Amino acid sequence: MISANDLFPAELAALLHFHADAGVEWLLEEEAIDRFAEFEAMKAARRPAAAQAQQQRPAAGERPAPGQAQVRPNAAARPAPAERAASGPQPAIPDGEAVQQARFVAETARSLVELKTAIEAFNGCNLKHSARSTIFASGDAESGIMVIGSAPSAEDDREGLPFSGKSGQLFDKMLAAIGLTRSSVLLTQVIPWRPPGNRAPSAAEMDICRPFIERQIALAEPKAILLLGNFSARFFFGENDTIHGLRGRWKEIAAADCVIPAIASLHPQDLLTAPVNKRLAWNDLLAFQAKLKSLSLLRN
């Protein structure tokens, strides 16, 4: 076993992030626990029950006496079906039914506050069972400016906010470069729950989550939208090209009765991975800034 004292700070930080992404939330208990003694105590507690079951079990070829139930090993310790079902997360409902429920929940929400509460109570998507947080829109819903990312990252899931961590820090700088801040725009994600291991959401998961993001757009009524990332651009533009083929061009997207101009660009995480693409993102940001000025959403 490697001691923490033998690790460099960067190595220790990477190890902690690995455990956090794997779902480990607590590294230490409030008080020291002797797990070996705990295990021995559990074994000792099981011995009387096992001995009793052995005594009640009929010998080979012998049938139980009339009125005597046949006892199976560990039957007393085995939880009932209802208890087993309640012990873990319930499986999601069938995809088709989940999509219908998501549409109903979204359409009945009359405000972003109501929609947030409804999404947090919705259990029809498997992604929710593995995520810590439900990521919902934050910022100024009255600004007329909306920025939509792809799906929550590990940092977003931990913080409960879109665009967190290092990519969020870069995102703040990108907004500041064109005269915006987090508080002056509405930020959200296409998918409200982080997919395990940051994998791409499945087609069924996208269909279930679509009513939620479309309802956010309809309720906020933005005048212009900035889409960040390959997944976000494909989701709204309905094309299979890469972000390099989809970025930098204004298109219209529809949500309920709203038709809004939108432009796609690279996600901040893409820029951290390949900084050479920052010049492309800068051109997209300038185009977005020009559109906001033409709509009187940003001062000259």
C-alpha atoms as a PDB file:
ATOM      1  CA  MET A   1       0.000   0.000   0.000  1.00  0.00           C
ATOM      2  CA  ILE A   2       1.302   3.451  -0.923  1.00  0.00           C
ATOM      3  CA  SER A   3       1.298   5.982   1.878  1.00  0.00           C
ATOM      4  CA  ALA A   4      -0.017   9.476   1.218  1.00  0.00           C
ATOM      5  CA  ASN A   5       3.290  10.765   2.568  1.00  0.00           C
ATOM      6  CA  ASP A   6       5.050   9.171  -0.430  1.00  0.00           C
ATOM      7  CA  LEU A   7       2.940  11.058  -3.000  1.00  0.00           C
ATOM      8  CA  PHE A   8       3.597  14.431  -4.523  1.00  0.00           C
ATOM      9  CA  PRO A   9       0.779  17.006  -4.076  1.00  0.00           C
ATOM     10  CA  ALA A  10      -0.282  16.672  -7.721  1.00  0.00           C
ATOM     11  CA  GLU A  11      -0.368  12.878  -7.451  1.00  0.00           C
ATOM     12  CA  LEU A  12      -2.407  13.036  -4.254  1.00  0.00           C
ATOM     13  CA  ALA A  13      -4.869  15.482  -5.839  1.00  0.00           C
ATOM     14  CA  ALA A  14      -5.270  13.205  -8.859  1.00  0.00           C
ATOM     15  CA  LEU A  15      -5.892  10.218  -6.572  1.00  0.00           C
ATOM     16  CA  LEU A  16      -8.540  12.113  -4.605  1.00  0.00           C
ATOM     17  CA  HIS A  17     -10.276  13.165  -7.834  1.00  0.00           C
ATOM     18  CA  PHE A  18     -10.229   9.546  -8.999  1.00  0.00           C
ATOM     19  CA  HIS A  19     -11.935   8.361  -5.817  1.00  0.00           C
ATOM     20  CA  ALA A  20     -14.474  11.196  -6.008  1.00  0.00           C
ATOM     21  CA  ASP A  21     -15.367  10.303  -9.608  1.00  0.00           C
ATOM     22  CA  ALA A  22     -15.754   6.677  -8.533  1.00  0.00           C
ATOM     23  CA  GLY A  23     -18.365   7.714  -5.973  1.00  0.00           C
ATOM     24  CA  VAL A  24     -16.292   7.767  -2.771  1.00  0.00           C
ATOM     25  CA  GLU A  25     -17.653  10.584  -0.633  1.00  0.00           C
ATOM     26  CA  TRP A  26     -15.995  10.026   2.761  1.00  0.00           C
ATOM     27  CA  LEU A  27     -12.407   8.947   3.277  1.00  0.00           C
ATOM     28  CA  LEU A  28     -12.566   8.830   7.075  1.00  0.00           C
ATOM     29  CA  GLU A  29     -15.192   7.980   9.668  1.00  0.00           C
ATOM     30  CA  GLU A  30     -15.913  10.300  12.566  1.00  0.00           C
ATOM     31  CA  GLU A  31     -14.385   7.700  14.904  1.00  0.00           C
ATOM     32  CA  ALA A  32     -11.895   4.910  14.304  1.00  0.00           C
ATOM     33  CA  ILE A  33     -13.534   1.562  13.530  1.00  0.00           C
ATOM     34  CA  ASP A  34     -11.842  -1.816  13.804  1.00  0.00           C
ATOM     35  CA  ARG A  35     -13.213  -3.507  10.683  1.00  0.00           C
ATOM     36  CA  PHE A  36     -11.513  -6.815  11.520  1.00  0.00           C
ATOM     37  CA  ALA A  37     -13.242  -6.990  14.923  1.00  0.00           C
ATOM     38  CA  GLU A  38     -16.502  -5.918  13.282  1.00  0.00           C
ATOM     39  CA  PHE A  39     -16.228  -8.748  10.772  1.00  0.00           C
ATOM     40  CA  GLU A  40     -15.485 -11.324  13.484  1.00  0.00           C
ATOM     41  CA  ALA A  41     -18.492 -10.115  15.477  1.00  0.00           C
ATOM     42  CA  MET A  42     -20.704 -10.537  12.431  1.00  0.00           C
ATOM     43  CA  LYS A  43     -19.472 -14.109  11.951  1.00  0.00           C
ATOM     44  CA  ALA A  44     -20.037 -14.896  15.606  1.00  0.00           C
ATOM     45  CA  ALA A  45     -23.586 -13.557  15.423  1.00  0.00           C
ATOM     46  CA  ARG A  46     -24.332 -15.806  12.473  1.00  0.00           C
ATOM     47  CA  ARG A  47     -23.128 -19.046  14.110  1.00  0.00           C
ATOM     48  CA  PRO A  48     -26.169 -19.600  16.413  1.00  0.00           C
ATOM     49  CA  ALA A  49     -28.595 -19.017  13.532  1.00  0.00           C
ATOM     50  CA  ALA A  50     -26.622 -21.395  11.315  1.00  0.00           C
ATOM     51  CA  ALA A  51     -26.506 -24.045  14.056  1.00  0.00           C
ATOM     52  CA  GLN A  52     -30.250 -23.757  14.639  1.00  0.00           C
ATOM     53  CA  ALA A  53     -30.955 -24.090  10.933  1.00  0.00           C
ATOM     54  CA  GLN A  54     -28.708 -27.163  10.804  1.00  0.00           C
ATOM     55  CA  GLN A  55     -30.640 -28.789  13.661  1.00  0.00           C
ATOM     56  CA  GLN A  56     -34.008 -28.077  12.045  1.00  0.00           C
ATOM     57  CA  ARG A  57     -32.906 -29.320   8.635  1.00  0.00           C
ATOM     58  CA  PRO A  58     -34.009 -32.980   8.071  1.00  0.00           C
ATOM     59  CA  ALA A  59     -31.330 -35.524   7.348  1.00  0.00           C
ATOM     60  CA  ALA A  60     -30.683 -36.705   3.815  1.00  0.00           C
ATOM     61  CA  GLY A  61     -33.653 -38.705   2.569  1.00  0.00           C
ATOM     62  CA  GLU A  62     -35.753 -37.719   5.615  1.00  0.00           C
ATOM     63  CA  ARG A  63     -38.912 -35.735   5.073  1.00  0.00           C
ATOM     64  CA  PRO A  64     -40.019 -32.984   7.447  1.00  0.00           C
ATOM     65  CA  ALA A  65     -42.578 -33.946  10.077  1.00  0.00           C
ATOM     66  CA  PRO A  66     -46.177 -33.005   9.326  1.00  0.00           C
ATOM     67  CA  GLY A  67     -46.755 -29.332  10.090  1.00  0.00           C
ATOM     68  CA  GLN A  68     -43.013 -28.626  10.235  1.00  0.00           C
ATOM     69  CA  ALA A  69     -41.777 -26.144   7.626  1.00  0.00           C
ATOM     70  CA  GLN A  70     -38.577 -26.994   5.832  1.00  0.00           C
ATOM     71  CA  VAL A  71     -35.888 -24.477   6.757  1.00  0.00           C
ATOM     72  CA  ARG A  72     -33.378 -23.491   4.115  1.00  0.00           C
ATOM     73  CA  PRO A  73     -29.907 -22.212   4.963  1.00  0.00           C
ATOM     74  CA  ASN A  74     -29.829 -18.476   5.644  1.00  0.00           C
ATOM     75  CA  ALA A  75     -33.536 -18.188   4.879  1.00  0.00           C
ATOM     76  CA  ALA A  76     -34.063 -16.105   8.023  1.00  0.00           C
ATOM     77  CA  ALA A  77     -31.320 -13.683   6.997  1.00  0.00           C
ATOM     78  CA  ARG A  78     -32.574 -13.314   3.435  1.00  0.00           C
ATOM     79  CA  PRO A  79     -34.618 -10.101   2.997  1.00  0.00           C
ATOM     80  CA  ALA A  80     -38.137 -10.254   1.696  1.00  0.00           C
ATOM     81  CA  PRO A  81     -38.706  -9.237  -1.952  1.00  0.00           C
ATOM     82  CA  ALA A  82     -40.200  -5.896  -0.912  1.00  0.00           C
ATOM     83  CA  GLU A  83     -37.202  -5.194   1.329  1.00  0.00           C
ATOM     84  CA  ARG A  84     -34.774  -6.102  -1.438  1.00  0.00           C
ATOM     85  CA  ALA A  85     -36.577  -3.775  -3.836  1.00  0.00           C
ATOM     86  CA  ALA A  86     -36.445  -0.902  -1.352  1.00  0.00           C
ATOM     87  CA  SER A  87     -32.760  -1.405  -0.563  1.00  0.00           C
ATOM     88  CA  GLY A  88     -31.491   0.080  -3.823  1.00  0.00           C
ATOM     89  CA  PRO A  89     -32.559   2.591  -6.493  1.00  0.00           C
ATOM     90  CA  GLN A  90     -35.702   1.674  -8.323  1.00  0.00           C
ATOM     91  CA  PRO A  91     -35.291   0.847 -12.021  1.00  0.00           C
ATOM     92  CA  ALA A  92     -36.459   3.525 -14.395  1.00  0.00           C
ATOM     93  CA  ILE A  93     -39.821   3.118 -16.067  1.00  0.00           C
ATOM     94  CA  PRO A  94     -39.892   2.020 -19.747  1.00  0.00           C
ATOM     95  CA  ASP A  95     -38.368   4.607 -22.081  1.00  0.00           C
ATOM     96  CA  GLY A  96     -41.555   5.336 -24.006  1.00  0.00           C
ATOM     97  CA  GLU A  97     -43.546   5.935 -20.851  1.00  0.00           C
ATOM     98  CA  ALA A  98     -40.705   7.993 -19.368  1.00  0.00           C
ATOM     99  CA  VAL A  99     -40.702  10.300 -22.404  1.00  0.00           C
ATOM    100  CA  GLN A 100     -44.452  10.833 -22.063  1.00  0.00           C
ATOM    101  CA  GLN A 101     -44.135  11.578 -18.355  1.00  0.00           C
ATOM    102  CA  ALA A 102     -41.254  13.983 -19.012  1.00  0.00           C
ATOM    103  CA  ARG A 103     -43.363  15.856 -21.563  1.00  0.00           C
ATOM    104  CA  PHE A 104     -46.285  16.084 -19.167  1.00  0.00           C
ATOM    105  CA  VAL A 105     -44.080  17.271 -16.307  1.00  0.00           C
ATOM    106  CA  ALA A 106     -42.391  19.879 -18.505  1.00  0.00           C
ATOM    107  CA  GLU A 107     -45.564  21.220 -20.082  1.00  0.00           C
ATOM    108  CA  THR A 108     -47.366  21.632 -16.762  1.00  0.00           C
ATOM    109  CA  ALA A 109     -44.557  23.735 -15.263  1.00  0.00           C
ATOM    110  CA  ARG A 110     -45.482  27.423 -15.468  1.00  0.00           C
ATOM    111  CA  SER A 111     -42.169  28.842 -14.306  1.00  0.00           C
ATOM    112  CA  LEU A 112     -38.526  27.880 -14.093  1.00  0.00           C
ATOM    113  CA  VAL A 113     -38.933  27.383 -10.348  1.00  0.00           C
ATOM    114  CA  GLU A 114     -41.761  24.913 -10.903  1.00  0.00           C
ATOM    115  CA  LEU A 115     -39.787  23.151 -13.629  1.00  0.00           C
ATOM    116  CA  LYS A 116     -36.745  22.799 -11.375  1.00  0.00           C
ATOM    117  CA  THR A 117     -38.865  21.219  -8.642  1.00  0.00           C
ATOM    118  CA  ALA A 118     -40.509  18.883 -11.152  1.00  0.00           C
ATOM    119  CA  ILE A 119     -37.190  17.717 -12.630  1.00  0.00           C
ATOM    120  CA  GLU A 120     -35.734  17.067  -9.186  1.00  0.00           C
ATOM    121  CA  ALA A 121     -38.742  14.848  -8.399  1.00  0.00           C
ATOM    122  CA  PHE A 122     -38.650  13.034 -11.745  1.00  0.00           C
ATOM    123  CA  ASN A 123     -37.329   9.447 -11.545  1.00  0.00           C
ATOM    124  CA  GLY A 124     -37.866   8.261 -15.098  1.00  0.00           C
ATOM    125  CA  CYS A 125     -34.251   8.585 -16.265  1.00  0.00           C
ATOM    126  CA  ASN A 126     -31.540   6.128 -15.206  1.00  0.00           C
ATOM    127  CA  LEU A 127     -28.938   8.896 -15.222  1.00  0.00           C
ATOM    128  CA  LYS A 128     -30.467  10.356 -12.076  1.00  0.00           C
ATOM    129  CA  HIS A 129     -29.712   7.196 -10.072  1.00  0.00           C
ATOM    130  CA  SER A 130     -25.940   7.531 -10.549  1.00  0.00           C
ATOM    131  CA  ALA A 131     -25.653  11.327 -10.269  1.00  0.00           C
ATOM    132  CA  ARG A 132     -25.229  13.360  -7.109  1.00  0.00           C
ATOM    133  CA  SER A 133     -26.885  16.547  -8.342  1.00  0.00           C
ATOM    134  CA  THR A 134     -29.607  17.711 -10.670  1.00  0.00           C
ATOM    135  CA  ILE A 135     -28.103  20.512 -12.739  1.00  0.00           C
ATOM    136  CA  PHE A 136     -30.629  23.212 -13.600  1.00  0.00           C
ATOM    137  CA  ALA A 137     -30.502  26.667 -15.118  1.00  0.00           C
ATOM    138  CA  SER A 138     -28.812  29.400 -13.103  1.00  0.00           C
ATOM    139  CA  GLY A 139     -28.233  33.085 -13.675  1.00  0.00           C
ATOM    140  CA  ASP A 140     -30.490  35.804 -15.078  1.00  0.00           C
ATOM    141  CA  ALA A 141     -33.594  34.357 -16.732  1.00  0.00           C
ATOM    142  CA  GLU A 142     -34.684  37.832 -17.813  1.00  0.00           C
ATOM    143  CA  SER A 143     -31.473  38.668 -19.681  1.00  0.00           C
ATOM    144  CA  GLY A 144     -32.564  37.300 -23.051  1.00  0.00           C
ATOM    145  CA  ILE A 145     -29.179  35.564 -23.296  1.00  0.00           C
ATOM    146  CA  MET A 146     -28.841  31.801 -22.833  1.00  0.00           C
ATOM    147  CA  VAL A 147     -25.754  29.591 -22.814  1.00  0.00           C
ATOM    148  CA  ILE A 148     -26.287  25.831 -23.052  1.00  0.00           C
ATOM    149  CA  GLY A 149     -23.606  23.233 -22.402  1.00  0.00           C
ATOM    150  CA  SER A 150     -23.717  19.516 -23.102  1.00  0.00           C
ATOM    151  CA  ALA A 151     -23.921  17.416 -19.923  1.00  0.00           C
ATOM    152  CA  PRO A 152     -22.638  17.922 -16.370  1.00  0.00           C
ATOM    153  CA  SER A 153     -19.010  17.097 -15.694  1.00  0.00           C
ATOM    154  CA  ALA A 154     -17.699  15.522 -12.501  1.00  0.00           C
ATOM    155  CA  GLU A 155     -17.060  19.011 -11.089  1.00  0.00           C
ATOM    156  CA  ASP A 156     -20.570  20.156 -12.058  1.00  0.00           C
ATOM    157  CA  ASP A 157     -22.030  17.099 -10.342  1.00  0.00           C
ATOM    158  CA  ARG A 158     -20.066  17.776  -7.154  1.00  0.00           C
ATOM    159  CA  GLU A 159     -20.825  21.497  -7.057  1.00  0.00           C
ATOM    160  CA  GLY A 160     -24.418  21.261  -8.312  1.00  0.00           C
ATOM    161  CA  LEU A 161     -23.809  24.084 -10.809  1.00  0.00           C
ATOM    162  CA  PRO A 162     -23.143  24.153 -14.565  1.00  0.00           C
ATOM    163  CA  PHE A 163     -19.648  25.043 -15.780  1.00  0.00           C
ATOM    164  CA  SER A 164     -17.675  24.334 -12.597  1.00  0.00           C
ATOM    165  CA  GLY A 165     -14.026  23.476 -12.043  1.00  0.00           C
ATOM    166  CA  LYS A 166     -11.203  24.463 -14.385  1.00  0.00           C
ATOM    167  CA  SER A 167     -13.432  24.549 -17.457  1.00  0.00           C
ATOM    168  CA  GLY A 168     -15.756  26.833 -15.522  1.00  0.00           C
ATOM    169  CA  GLN A 169     -12.896  29.192 -14.727  1.00  0.00           C
ATOM    170  CA  LEU A 170     -12.031  29.386 -18.407  1.00  0.00           C
ATOM    171  CA  PHE A 171     -15.712  29.857 -19.211  1.00  0.00           C
ATOM    172  CA  ASP A 172     -15.838  32.877 -16.878  1.00  0.00           C
ATOM    173  CA  LYS A 173     -12.909  34.405 -18.776  1.00  0.00           C
ATOM    174  CA  MET A 174     -14.634  33.759 -22.095  1.00  0.00           C
ATOM    175  CA  LEU A 175     -17.748  35.576 -20.905  1.00  0.00           C
ATOM    176  CA  ALA A 176     -15.733  38.461 -19.478  1.00  0.00           C
ATOM    177  CA  ALA A 177     -13.945  38.893 -22.820  1.00  0.00           C
ATOM    178  CA  ILE A 178     -17.241  39.902 -24.464  1.00  0.00           C
ATOM    179  CA  GLY A 179     -18.628  41.896 -21.554  1.00  0.00           C
ATOM    180  CA  LEU A 180     -20.714  39.213 -19.835  1.00  0.00           C
ATOM    181  CA  THR A 181     -20.743  37.434 -16.475  1.00  0.00           C
ATOM    182  CA  ARG A 182     -22.426  34.345 -15.073  1.00  0.00           C
ATOM    183  CA  SER A 183     -24.990  36.515 -13.344  1.00  0.00           C
ATOM    184  CA  SER A 184     -25.883  38.388 -16.541  1.00  0.00           C
ATOM    185  CA  VAL A 185     -26.842  35.327 -18.617  1.00  0.00           C
ATOM    186  CA  LEU A 186     -28.850  32.129 -18.098  1.00  0.00           C
ATOM    187  CA  LEU A 187     -26.646  29.018 -17.926  1.00  0.00           C
ATOM    188  CA  THR A 188     -27.853  25.449 -18.275  1.00  0.00           C
ATOM    189  CA  GLN A 189     -27.059  22.008 -19.692  1.00  0.00           C
ATOM    190  CA  VAL A 190     -28.860  19.812 -22.225  1.00  0.00           C
ATOM    191  CA  ILE A 191     -28.797  16.869 -19.786  1.00  0.00           C
ATOM    192  CA  PRO A 192     -29.540  17.621 -16.103  1.00  0.00           C
ATOM    193  CA  TRP A 193     -27.656  14.595 -14.716  1.00  0.00           C
ATOM    194  CA  ARG A 194     -24.060  13.538 -15.213  1.00  0.00           C
ATOM    195  CA  PRO A 195     -23.717  10.322 -17.270  1.00  0.00           C
ATOM    196  CA  PRO A 196     -21.476   7.761 -15.488  1.00  0.00           C
ATOM    197  CA  GLY A 197     -17.849   8.162 -16.495  1.00  0.00           C
ATOM    198  CA  ASN A 198     -18.784  11.204 -18.617  1.00  0.00           C
ATOM    199  CA  ARG A 199     -20.011   8.883 -21.372  1.00  0.00           C
ATOM    200  CA  ALA A 200     -22.291  10.195 -24.112  1.00  0.00           C
ATOM    201  CA  PRO A 201     -26.003  10.010 -23.235  1.00  0.00           C
ATOM    202  CA  SER A 202     -27.925   7.303 -25.057  1.00  0.00           C
ATOM    203  CA  ALA A 203     -30.668   8.070 -27.583  1.00  0.00           C
ATOM    204  CA  ALA A 204     -33.322   7.075 -25.029  1.00  0.00           C
ATOM    205  CA  GLU A 205     -31.785   9.331 -22.371  1.00  0.00           C
ATOM    206  CA  MET A 206     -31.726  12.240 -24.816  1.00  0.00           C
ATOM    207  CA  ASP A 207     -35.399  11.696 -25.675  1.00  0.00           C
ATOM    208  CA  ILE A 208     -36.337  11.656 -21.989  1.00  0.00           C
ATOM    209  CA  CYS A 209     -34.371  14.838 -21.213  1.00  0.00           C
ATOM    210  CA  ARG A 210     -35.401  16.767 -24.350  1.00  0.00           C
ATOM    211  CA  PRO A 211     -38.714  18.091 -22.930  1.00  0.00           C
ATOM    212  CA  PHE A 212     -36.870  19.541 -19.925  1.00  0.00           C
ATOM    213  CA  ILE A 213     -34.347  21.613 -21.865  1.00  0.00           C
ATOM    214  CA  GLU A 214     -36.911  22.711 -24.433  1.00  0.00           C
ATOM    215  CA  ARG A 215     -39.220  23.860 -21.633  1.00  0.00           C
ATOM    216  CA  GLN A 216     -36.373  25.818 -20.036  1.00  0.00           C
ATOM    217  CA  ILE A 217     -35.909  27.648 -23.331  1.00  0.00           C
ATOM    218  CA  ALA A 218     -39.640  28.260 -23.748  1.00  0.00           C
ATOM    219  CA  LEU A 219     -40.003  29.668 -20.227  1.00  0.00           C
ATOM    220  CA  ALA A 220     -36.880  31.855 -20.426  1.00  0.00           C
ATOM    221  CA  GLU A 221     -37.678  33.117 -23.957  1.00  0.00           C
ATOM    222  CA  PRO A 222     -34.075  34.039 -24.831  1.00  0.00           C
ATOM    223  CA  LYS A 223     -33.340  36.241 -27.818  1.00  0.00           C
ATOM    224  CA  ALA A 224     -30.030  34.486 -28.616  1.00  0.00           C
ATOM    225  CA  ILE A 225     -28.416  31.198 -27.584  1.00  0.00           C
ATOM    226  CA  LEU A 226     -24.783  30.104 -27.405  1.00  0.00           C
ATOM    227  CA  LEU A 227     -24.327  26.346 -27.633  1.00  0.00           C
ATOM    228  CA  LEU A 228     -21.084  24.971 -26.234  1.00  0.00           C
ATOM    229  CA  GLY A 229     -19.744  21.568 -27.200  1.00  0.00           C
ATOM    230  CA  ASN A 230     -20.199  18.915 -29.846  1.00  0.00           C
ATOM    231  CA  PHE A 231     -23.115  17.175 -28.134  1.00  0.00           C
ATOM    232  CA  SER A 232     -25.070  20.387 -27.539  1.00  0.00           C
ATOM    233  CA  ALA A 233     -24.669  21.497 -31.171  1.00  0.00           C
ATOM    234  CA  ARG A 234     -25.722  18.106 -32.569  1.00  0.00           C
ATOM    235  CA  PHE A 235     -28.659  17.908 -30.165  1.00  0.00           C
ATOM    236  CA  PHE A 236     -30.208  21.172 -31.336  1.00  0.00           C
ATOM    237  CA  PHE A 237     -29.045  21.334 -34.956  1.00  0.00           C
ATOM    238  CA  GLY A 238     -29.922  17.717 -35.691  1.00  0.00           C
ATOM    239  CA  GLU A 239     -26.663  17.103 -37.557  1.00  0.00           C
ATOM    240  CA  ASN A 240     -23.884  14.564 -37.073  1.00  0.00           C
ATOM    241  CA  ASP A 241     -20.961  16.785 -37.997  1.00  0.00           C
ATOM    242  CA  THR A 242     -18.230  17.589 -35.469  1.00  0.00           C
ATOM    243  CA  ILE A 243     -18.173  20.844 -33.576  1.00  0.00           C
ATOM    244  CA  HIS A 244     -15.594  22.143 -36.046  1.00  0.00           C
ATOM    245  CA  GLY A 245     -18.165  21.771 -38.820  1.00  0.00           C
ATOM    246  CA  LEU A 246     -21.081  23.111 -36.780  1.00  0.00           C
ATOM    247  CA  ARG A 247     -19.467  26.079 -35.035  1.00  0.00           C
ATOM    248  CA  GLY A 248     -19.491  29.690 -36.131  1.00  0.00           C
ATOM    249  CA  ARG A 249     -22.748  29.614 -38.128  1.00  0.00           C
ATOM    250  CA  TRP A 250     -26.033  31.095 -37.002  1.00  0.00           C
ATOM    251  CA  LYS A 251     -29.012  28.758 -37.167  1.00  0.00           C
ATOM    252  CA  GLU A 252     -32.522  28.812 -35.767  1.00  0.00           C
ATOM    253  CA  ILE A 253     -33.712  26.318 -33.173  1.00  0.00           C
ATOM    254  CA  ALA A 254     -37.297  25.798 -32.075  1.00  0.00           C
ATOM    255  CA  ALA A 255     -38.678  25.196 -28.577  1.00  0.00           C
ATOM    256  CA  ALA A 256     -42.464  25.144 -28.236  1.00  0.00           C
ATOM    257  CA  ASP A 257     -43.627  28.275 -30.066  1.00  0.00           C
ATOM    258  CA  CYS A 258     -40.222  29.956 -29.818  1.00  0.00           C
ATOM    259  CA  VAL A 259     -37.709  30.169 -32.665  1.00  0.00           C
ATOM    260  CA  ILE A 260     -34.361  31.482 -31.477  1.00  0.00           C
ATOM    261  CA  PRO A 261     -31.104  32.212 -33.307  1.00  0.00           C
ATOM    262  CA  ALA A 262     -28.262  30.078 -31.996  1.00  0.00           C
ATOM    263  CA  ILE A 263     -24.564  29.741 -32.663  1.00  0.00           C
ATOM    264  CA  ALA A 264     -22.329  26.883 -31.577  1.00  0.00           C
ATOM    265  CA  SER A 265     -18.746  26.985 -30.367  1.00  0.00           C
ATOM    266  CA  LEU A 266     -16.211  24.784 -28.633  1.00  0.00           C
ATOM    267  CA  HIS A 267     -16.765  23.837 -25.023  1.00  0.00           C
ATOM    268  CA  PRO A 268     -14.244  25.247 -22.508  1.00  0.00           C
ATOM    269  CA  GLN A 269     -13.106  21.679 -21.784  1.00  0.00           C
ATOM    270  CA  ASP A 270     -12.261  21.292 -25.483  1.00  0.00           C
ATOM    271  CA  LEU A 271     -10.095  24.394 -25.242  1.00  0.00           C
ATOM    272  CA  LEU A 272      -8.277  23.070 -22.176  1.00  0.00           C
ATOM    273  CA  THR A 273      -7.515  19.887 -24.104  1.00  0.00           C
ATOM    274  CA  ALA A 274      -6.485  21.688 -27.302  1.00  0.00           C
ATOM    275  CA  PRO A 275      -5.590  25.346 -26.546  1.00  0.00           C
ATOM    276  CA  VAL A 276      -4.754  25.928 -30.224  1.00  0.00           C
ATOM    277  CA  ASN A 277      -8.519  26.087 -30.868  1.00  0.00           C
ATOM    278  CA  LYS A 278      -8.967  29.167 -28.685  1.00  0.00           C
ATOM    279  CA  ARG A 279      -8.716  31.381 -31.754  1.00  0.00           C
ATOM    280  CA  LEU A 280     -11.738  29.615 -33.259  1.00  0.00           C
ATOM    281  CA  ALA A 281     -13.723  30.056 -30.045  1.00  0.00           C
ATOM    282  CA  TRP A 282     -12.739  33.721 -29.930  1.00  0.00           C
ATOM    283  CA  ASN A 283     -14.170  34.292 -33.422  1.00  0.00           C
ATOM    284  CA  ASP A 284     -17.415  32.606 -32.318  1.00  0.00           C
ATOM    285  CA  LEU A 285     -17.590  34.765 -29.200  1.00  0.00           C
ATOM    286  CA  LEU A 286     -17.144  37.911 -31.266  1.00  0.00           C
ATOM    287  CA  ALA A 287     -20.001  36.807 -33.540  1.00  0.00           C
ATOM    288  CA  PHE A 288     -22.166  36.152 -30.481  1.00  0.00           C
ATOM    289  CA  GLN A 289     -21.260  39.554 -29.047  1.00  0.00           C
ATOM    290  CA  ALA A 290     -22.173  41.282 -32.321  1.00  0.00           C
ATOM    291  CA  LYS A 291     -25.572  39.542 -32.358  1.00  0.00           C
ATOM    292  CA  LEU A 292     -26.275  40.601 -28.771  1.00  0.00           C
ATOM    293  CA  LYS A 293     -25.450  44.206 -29.621  1.00  0.00           C
ATOM    294  CA  SER A 294     -27.720  44.121 -32.665  1.00  0.00           C
ATOM    295  CA  LEU A 295     -30.543  42.855 -30.439  1.00  0.00           C
ATOM    296  CA  SER A 296     -29.800  45.574 -27.845  1.00  0.00           C
ATOM    297  CA  LEU A 297     -28.956  42.895 -25.269  1.00  0.00           C
ATOM    298  CA  LEU A 298     -25.426  44.187 -24.773  1.00  0.00           C
ATOM    299  CA  ARG A 299     -24.178  47.736 -24.559  1.00  0.00           C
ATOM    300  CA  ASN A 300     -21.764  48.951 -27.215  1.00  0.00           C
END
